Amino acid sequence: MAETVTLAHGAGGEQTSELIEKVFKAHFSNKDLTADDAAVLEAPKGKIAMSTDGFIVSPQFFPGGNIGKLSICGTVNDVSCMGAKPLYLTCSFIIEEGFPMSKLEEIAAAMEKTAKEVGIEVVAGDTKVAGKGQVDGVFITTTGVGEIIEGVETSGTKAKPGDAIIVTGDVGRHGLTILLARNDFGIEADVESDCAPLWNEVKAIIDADKEVHVIRDATRGGVGTVLYEIAGQSNVGIEIESSDIPVQSEVGGVCKMLGLEPLYLACEGRLVVFVEGDKAESVVEALKSTKYGSGAKIIGHVTKENAGRVVMTTEIGTKSLLPKPGGELLPRIC
């Protein structure tokens, strides 16, 4: 096996077969993985959720994960947020000529481990090799299919006045991790990405409240952007408490140094959940029993007033309008 990926690995011949056999099939093997032109799968009996996403994060390796783990988590979480158990996943790799084979195998191994954690199968894929400089290392696109749990219907249009707003853990870690990994500021901090597959957390929410209104993962733009999206989709107001927003001390410290707002930093392992107010505590307790939801907290509620806006109560008791997200803070965080 060559030490680096060459153009021959994308030409469809012997080297391509070797790459597929020794890297991808070695890590993704399952009963449904196919060498044919398309996977033939058992269809769920009810509705399905389907999502696709491209991943071009820079750097490809960061504290708490790599682009491979991220590519599984991103699509698993998008499908899960619709109340769907993840079933099948396809992936497409675009690899730069000269990319180290050992790094590619590390990426594939992370994908294998993450997929197994939630029971999703990689059933088909594609590999292309681009010339030197045409791609930054490796880009991955994943498409996932999940079976929606009967009776569950989540949407950003379903938030209602009186709903409680829950986050499943501390916010802003992924965005800050990527920022620090680029070493543009020369800051060292003990921060690692929250990147995680969240189907088990979604299942815990559904088990506690099958009528949950909204589940959304706070990726690009972070929790603040998600809150504005839902306020607009549902035409409601949102009020949050600054003191209730969980932020890791290291994240808060670096954000103060750089003038950043943790609410607008990306998460890759956090959910924003809207449930009826009287069900919120039971949902929080259910989340706290899960691997990635132990830091779940209620951070606010939905109102009739200030439709389309997000209002934050500060630590001294004053209320201020949370600025609308804008501009480009962290390009290529996913």
Protein backbone atom coordinates (compact mmCIF):
# COMPACT_ATOMS: atom_id res chain seq x y z
CA MET A 1 0.00 0.00 0.00
CA ALA A 2 1.39 3.40 -0.96
CA GLU A 3 2.23 5.89 1.80
CA THR A 4 0.22 8.66 0.14
CA VAL A 5 -2.86 8.87 -2.05
CA THR A 6 -1.99 9.14 -5.74
CA LEU A 7 -4.05 10.03 -8.80
CA ALA A 8 -3.98 6.33 -9.69
CA HIS A 9 -6.05 5.61 -6.56
CA GLY A 10 -8.92 7.50 -8.19
CA ALA A 11 -8.56 6.05 -11.68
CA GLY A 12 -10.77 3.01 -11.14
CA GLY A 13 -8.08 0.38 -11.59
CA GLU A 14 -6.01 -1.86 -9.35
CA GLN A 15 -4.94 0.94 -7.00
CA THR A 16 -8.54 2.04 -6.54
CA SER A 17 -9.58 -1.49 -5.63
CA GLU A 18 -6.69 -1.70 -3.18
CA LEU A 19 -7.71 1.59 -1.53
CA ILE A 20 -11.31 0.46 -1.16
CA GLU A 21 -10.41 -2.99 0.16
CA LYS A 22 -7.65 -1.97 2.60
CA VAL A 23 -9.06 1.31 3.92
CA PHE A 24 -12.78 1.74 3.36
CA LYS A 25 -14.15 -1.81 3.24
CA ALA A 26 -11.86 -2.76 6.12
CA HIS A 27 -13.59 -0.20 8.35
CA PHE A 28 -17.13 -0.06 6.92
CA SER A 29 -17.86 -3.75 6.33
CA ASN A 30 -21.44 -4.82 7.13
CA LYS A 31 -24.15 -7.01 5.59
CA ASP A 32 -25.52 -4.17 3.42
CA LEU A 33 -22.26 -2.64 2.15
CA THR A 34 -22.17 -3.20 -1.58
CA ALA A 35 -19.65 -3.34 -4.40
CA ASP A 36 -22.49 -2.89 -6.89
CA ASP A 37 -23.72 0.40 -8.30
CA ALA A 38 -26.26 0.91 -5.51
CA ALA A 39 -27.13 -0.62 -2.16
CA VAL A 40 -30.32 -2.67 -1.94
CA LEU A 41 -31.92 -2.08 1.45
CA GLU A 42 -34.93 -3.01 3.55
CA ALA A 43 -37.35 -0.07 3.48
CA PRO A 44 -38.82 1.17 6.77
CA LYS A 45 -42.59 0.71 7.14
CA GLY A 46 -43.31 4.32 8.08
CA LYS A 47 -41.89 7.73 7.20
CA ILE A 48 -38.19 8.34 6.73
CA ALA A 49 -35.93 11.32 7.28
CA MET A 50 -33.07 11.91 4.87
CA SER A 51 -30.23 14.42 5.03
CA THR A 52 -26.98 15.13 3.21
CA ASP A 53 -24.04 17.28 4.26
CA GLY A 54 -20.55 18.14 3.06
CA PHE A 55 -17.56 18.46 5.40
CA ILE A 56 -14.51 20.56 4.59
CA VAL A 57 -13.24 21.43 8.07
CA SER A 58 -9.77 22.92 8.41
CA PRO A 59 -7.73 21.54 10.08
CA GLN A 60 -8.94 17.99 9.43
CA PHE A 61 -7.68 16.80 12.84
CA PHE A 62 -8.54 18.69 16.01
CA PRO A 63 -8.83 18.01 19.75
CA GLY A 64 -11.88 15.79 20.26
CA GLY A 65 -12.21 14.51 16.71
CA ASN A 66 -11.40 14.69 13.03
CA ILE A 67 -13.26 15.23 9.77
CA GLY A 68 -14.28 11.56 9.67
CA LYS A 69 -15.96 11.59 13.07
CA LEU A 70 -17.52 14.94 12.21
CA SER A 71 -18.97 13.64 8.94
CA ILE A 72 -20.82 10.84 10.73
CA CYS A 73 -21.99 13.01 13.62
CA GLY A 74 -23.26 15.79 11.38
CA THR A 75 -25.56 13.62 9.30
CA VAL A 76 -26.60 11.31 12.16
CA ASN A 77 -27.61 14.35 14.20
CA ASP A 78 -29.55 16.00 11.36
CA VAL A 79 -31.60 12.84 10.84
CA SER A 80 -32.04 12.27 14.57
CA CYS A 81 -33.39 15.78 15.13
CA MET A 82 -36.39 14.84 13.01
CA GLY A 83 -37.19 12.05 15.46
CA ALA A 84 -35.68 9.39 13.22
CA LYS A 85 -33.53 6.43 14.20
CA PRO A 86 -30.47 6.51 11.90
CA LEU A 87 -30.32 3.41 9.67
CA TYR A 88 -28.16 3.86 6.57
CA LEU A 89 -25.43 6.19 5.43
CA THR A 90 -23.49 6.74 2.21
CA CYS A 91 -20.25 8.68 1.96
CA SER A 92 -18.23 10.34 -0.77
CA PHE A 93 -14.54 11.17 -0.44
CA ILE A 94 -12.66 13.76 -2.50
CA ILE A 95 -8.99 13.32 -1.61
CA GLU A 96 -6.05 15.50 -2.55
CA GLU A 97 -3.16 13.79 -4.31
CA GLY A 98 -0.40 13.27 -1.76
CA PHE A 99 -2.69 12.98 1.28
CA PRO A 100 -1.07 10.56 3.77
CA MET A 101 -2.60 7.10 3.65
CA SER A 102 -2.15 6.72 7.42
CA LYS A 103 -4.25 9.85 7.99
CA LEU A 104 -6.94 8.56 5.64
CA GLU A 105 -7.09 5.31 7.57
CA GLU A 106 -7.33 7.25 10.85
CA ILE A 107 -10.29 9.15 9.41
CA ALA A 108 -11.99 5.93 8.28
CA ALA A 109 -11.42 4.34 11.69
CA ALA A 110 -13.07 7.32 13.41
CA MET A 111 -16.04 6.99 11.07
CA GLU A 112 -16.34 3.30 11.84
CA LYS A 113 -16.26 3.86 15.61
CA THR A 114 -18.79 6.70 15.52
CA ALA A 115 -21.22 4.86 13.23
CA LYS A 116 -21.16 1.79 15.49
CA GLU A 117 -21.98 3.93 18.51
CA VAL A 118 -25.47 4.65 17.15
CA GLY A 119 -25.92 1.56 14.97
CA ILE A 120 -25.92 3.21 11.56
CA GLU A 121 -24.50 1.28 8.59
CA VAL A 122 -22.31 2.73 5.84
CA VAL A 123 -23.84 0.98 2.82
CA ALA A 124 -22.29 2.68 -0.23
CA GLY A 125 -19.70 5.25 -1.16
CA ASP A 126 -17.55 6.93 -3.77
CA THR A 127 -13.90 7.98 -3.96
CA LYS A 128 -12.35 10.64 -6.16
CA VAL A 129 -8.73 11.84 -6.14
CA ALA A 130 -8.09 15.46 -7.11
CA GLY A 131 -4.80 16.94 -8.24
CA LYS A 132 -2.42 18.64 -5.84
CA GLY A 133 -3.90 21.96 -4.73
CA GLN A 134 -7.41 21.28 -6.06
CA VAL A 135 -8.64 20.07 -2.65
CA ASP A 136 -7.45 20.94 0.84
CA GLY A 137 -6.54 17.46 2.09
CA VAL A 138 -9.84 15.61 2.08
CA PHE A 139 -13.50 16.56 1.73
CA ILE A 140 -16.29 14.17 2.79
CA THR A 141 -19.99 14.21 1.92
CA THR A 142 -22.38 11.94 3.80
CA THR A 143 -26.05 11.19 3.21
CA GLY A 144 -28.14 9.52 5.89
CA VAL A 145 -31.55 7.87 6.10
CA GLY A 146 -33.48 7.25 9.29
CA GLU A 147 -36.85 5.81 10.30
CA ILE A 148 -39.09 8.35 12.03
CA ILE A 149 -40.47 7.08 15.32
CA GLU A 150 -44.24 6.70 14.99
CA GLY A 151 -46.13 9.64 16.44
CA VAL A 152 -43.14 11.99 16.55
CA GLU A 153 -43.26 15.20 14.54
CA THR A 154 -40.59 17.82 15.18
CA SER A 155 -40.14 21.08 13.29
CA GLY A 156 -38.82 24.59 13.75
CA THR A 157 -42.37 25.77 13.02
CA LYS A 158 -43.85 24.08 16.11
CA ALA A 159 -42.49 26.25 18.97
CA LYS A 160 -45.34 27.63 21.11
CA PRO A 161 -45.65 30.28 23.84
CA GLY A 162 -45.03 28.60 27.19
CA ASP A 163 -42.48 26.15 25.79
CA ALA A 164 -39.30 25.68 27.77
CA ILE A 165 -35.99 25.80 25.92
CA ILE A 166 -33.33 23.23 26.81
CA VAL A 167 -29.72 22.86 25.73
CA THR A 168 -28.12 19.47 26.23
CA GLY A 169 -24.74 20.75 27.48
CA ASP A 170 -22.19 23.55 27.46
CA VAL A 171 -22.05 25.61 24.28
CA GLY A 172 -19.43 26.91 21.87
CA ARG A 173 -16.70 24.31 22.29
CA HIS A 174 -16.42 23.07 18.71
CA GLY A 175 -16.13 26.51 17.18
CA LEU A 176 -13.50 27.60 19.69
CA THR A 177 -11.59 24.33 19.30
CA ILE A 178 -11.28 24.88 15.55
CA LEU A 179 -10.29 28.51 16.08
CA LEU A 180 -7.51 27.54 18.49
CA ALA A 181 -6.38 24.61 16.34
CA ARG A 182 -5.59 27.06 13.54
CA ASN A 183 -3.20 28.81 15.94
CA ASP A 184 -3.96 32.24 14.48
CA PHE A 185 -3.87 33.84 17.93
CA GLY A 186 -1.17 31.78 19.66
CA ILE A 187 -3.54 30.96 22.52
CA GLU A 188 -3.31 27.65 24.36
CA ALA A 189 -6.36 26.40 26.27
CA ASP A 190 -7.65 23.05 27.46
CA VAL A 191 -10.62 22.96 25.07
CA GLU A 192 -11.77 20.12 22.85
CA SER A 193 -14.67 19.73 20.46
CA ASP A 194 -18.02 18.45 21.72
CA CYS A 195 -18.39 16.48 18.46
CA ALA A 196 -20.71 13.52 19.18
CA PRO A 197 -23.48 11.40 17.60
CA LEU A 198 -26.72 12.27 19.38
CA TRP A 199 -29.33 9.66 18.47
CA ASN A 200 -29.35 8.20 21.99
CA GLU A 201 -29.96 11.68 23.42
CA VAL A 202 -32.83 12.25 20.99
CA LYS A 203 -34.27 8.84 21.90
CA ALA A 204 -34.18 9.83 25.58
CA ILE A 205 -36.06 13.04 24.77
CA ILE A 206 -38.71 11.15 22.80
CA ASP A 207 -39.11 8.55 25.54
CA ALA A 208 -39.72 11.36 28.05
CA ASP A 209 -41.99 13.42 25.78
CA LYS A 210 -43.17 12.01 22.46
CA GLU A 211 -44.85 15.35 21.71
CA VAL A 212 -41.58 17.31 21.79
CA HIS A 213 -41.99 20.35 19.54
CA VAL A 214 -38.50 21.18 18.26
CA ILE A 215 -35.13 19.42 18.27
CA ARG A 216 -32.27 21.17 16.48
CA ASP A 217 -28.51 20.65 16.55
CA ALA A 218 -26.59 23.88 17.03
CA THR A 219 -23.89 23.64 14.37
CA ARG A 220 -22.84 26.62 12.26
CA GLY A 221 -23.85 29.80 14.04
CA GLY A 222 -24.30 28.04 17.37
CA VAL A 223 -27.22 28.21 19.78
CA GLY A 224 -27.89 31.91 19.14
CA THR A 225 -28.46 31.36 15.44
CA VAL A 226 -30.72 28.35 16.10
CA LEU A 227 -32.86 30.42 18.48
CA TYR A 228 -33.31 33.14 15.88
CA GLU A 229 -34.16 30.57 13.20
CA ILE A 230 -36.87 29.00 15.35
CA ALA A 231 -38.25 32.37 16.51
CA GLY A 232 -38.67 33.26 12.84
CA GLN A 233 -40.06 29.92 11.70
CA SER A 234 -42.66 29.81 14.48
CA ASN A 235 -43.27 33.59 14.68
CA VAL A 236 -42.73 33.64 18.44
CA GLY A 237 -40.55 35.50 20.89
CA ILE A 238 -37.78 33.84 22.85
CA GLU A 239 -36.40 34.86 26.24
CA ILE A 240 -33.24 33.32 27.67
CA GLU A 241 -31.36 33.78 30.93
CA SER A 242 -27.68 34.65 30.57
CA SER A 243 -26.82 33.03 33.91
CA ASP A 244 -28.41 29.72 32.83
CA ILE A 245 -26.40 29.29 29.63
CA PRO A 246 -23.76 26.59 30.30
CA VAL A 247 -20.29 27.63 29.12
CA GLN A 248 -17.09 25.78 29.99
CA SER A 249 -14.81 28.09 32.00
CA GLU A 250 -11.96 27.77 29.48
CA VAL A 251 -14.31 28.64 26.63
CA GLY A 252 -15.68 31.63 28.53
CA GLY A 253 -12.18 32.86 29.34
CA VAL A 254 -10.91 32.74 25.77
CA CYS A 255 -14.12 34.28 24.45
CA LYS A 256 -13.68 37.26 26.80
CA MET A 257 -10.09 37.68 25.60
CA LEU A 258 -11.16 37.71 21.96
CA GLY A 259 -14.50 39.49 22.33
CA LEU A 260 -16.53 36.48 21.17
CA GLU A 261 -20.03 35.40 22.21
CA PRO A 262 -20.18 31.65 23.01
CA LEU A 263 -23.81 31.55 21.88
CA TYR A 264 -22.63 32.13 18.30
CA LEU A 265 -19.84 29.57 18.30
CA ALA A 266 -20.57 26.25 16.63
CA CYS A 267 -21.45 23.10 18.52
CA GLU A 268 -21.23 19.61 17.02
CA GLY A 269 -22.64 17.64 19.94
CA ARG A 270 -25.38 19.84 21.40
CA LEU A 271 -29.13 19.97 20.87
CA VAL A 272 -31.58 22.83 21.37
CA VAL A 273 -34.95 21.41 22.46
CA PHE A 274 -38.38 23.04 22.79
CA VAL A 275 -40.96 21.22 24.94
CA GLU A 276 -44.11 22.20 26.81
CA GLY A 277 -43.12 23.91 30.04
CA ASP A 278 -44.61 21.31 32.36
CA LYS A 279 -42.62 18.54 30.66
CA ALA A 280 -39.25 20.26 30.70
CA GLU A 281 -37.93 18.88 33.99
CA SER A 282 -38.64 15.28 33.02
CA VAL A 283 -36.87 15.79 29.68
CA VAL A 284 -33.85 17.30 31.43
CA GLU A 285 -33.71 14.36 33.83
CA ALA A 286 -33.92 11.89 30.94
CA LEU A 287 -31.08 13.69 29.14
CA LYS A 288 -28.88 13.67 32.23
CA SER A 289 -28.85 9.88 32.14
CA THR A 290 -27.27 9.87 28.64
CA LYS A 291 -23.62 10.01 27.62
CA TYR A 292 -23.75 13.41 25.93
CA GLY A 293 -26.68 15.03 27.73
CA SER A 294 -25.46 15.06 31.33
CA GLY A 295 -25.10 18.86 31.27
CA ALA A 296 -28.65 19.54 30.07
CA LYS A 297 -30.22 22.78 31.33
CA ILE A 298 -33.31 24.90 30.81
CA ILE A 299 -32.10 28.25 29.47
CA GLY A 300 -35.31 30.09 28.65
CA HIS A 301 -38.87 30.04 27.37
CA VAL A 302 -41.08 31.01 24.44
CA THR A 303 -43.35 34.09 24.57
CA LYS A 304 -46.04 35.76 22.48
CA GLU A 305 -44.22 39.07 22.71
CA ASN A 306 -41.27 40.14 20.52
CA ALA A 307 -42.12 37.72 17.72
CA GLY A 308 -39.05 36.80 15.71
CA ARG A 309 -36.67 38.14 18.35
CA VAL A 310 -34.46 36.70 21.07
CA VAL A 311 -34.25 38.63 24.34
CA MET A 312 -31.61 37.83 26.96
CA THR A 313 -31.85 38.68 30.64
CA THR A 314 -28.39 39.70 31.79
CA GLU A 315 -26.72 38.72 35.04
CA ILE A 316 -27.73 42.06 36.59
CA GLY A 317 -31.38 41.58 35.67
CA THR A 318 -31.67 43.87 32.66
CA LYS A 319 -33.09 42.68 29.36
CA SER A 320 -31.37 43.21 26.04
CA LEU A 321 -32.02 42.11 22.48
CA LEU A 322 -29.59 39.40 21.45
CA PRO A 323 -27.93 40.66 18.25
CA LYS A 324 -29.00 38.88 15.09
CA PRO A 325 -26.27 36.63 13.70
CA GLY A 326 -24.37 38.13 10.81
CA GLY A 327 -21.04 38.09 9.05
CA GLU A 328 -18.61 35.19 8.94
CA LEU A 329 -16.88 34.46 12.23
CA LEU A 330 -15.39 31.04 11.67
CA PRO A 331 -15.26 29.77 8.09
CA ARG A 332 -15.02 26.03 7.58
CA ILE A 333 -15.94 24.77 11.03
CA CYS A 334 -17.65 21.69 9.60
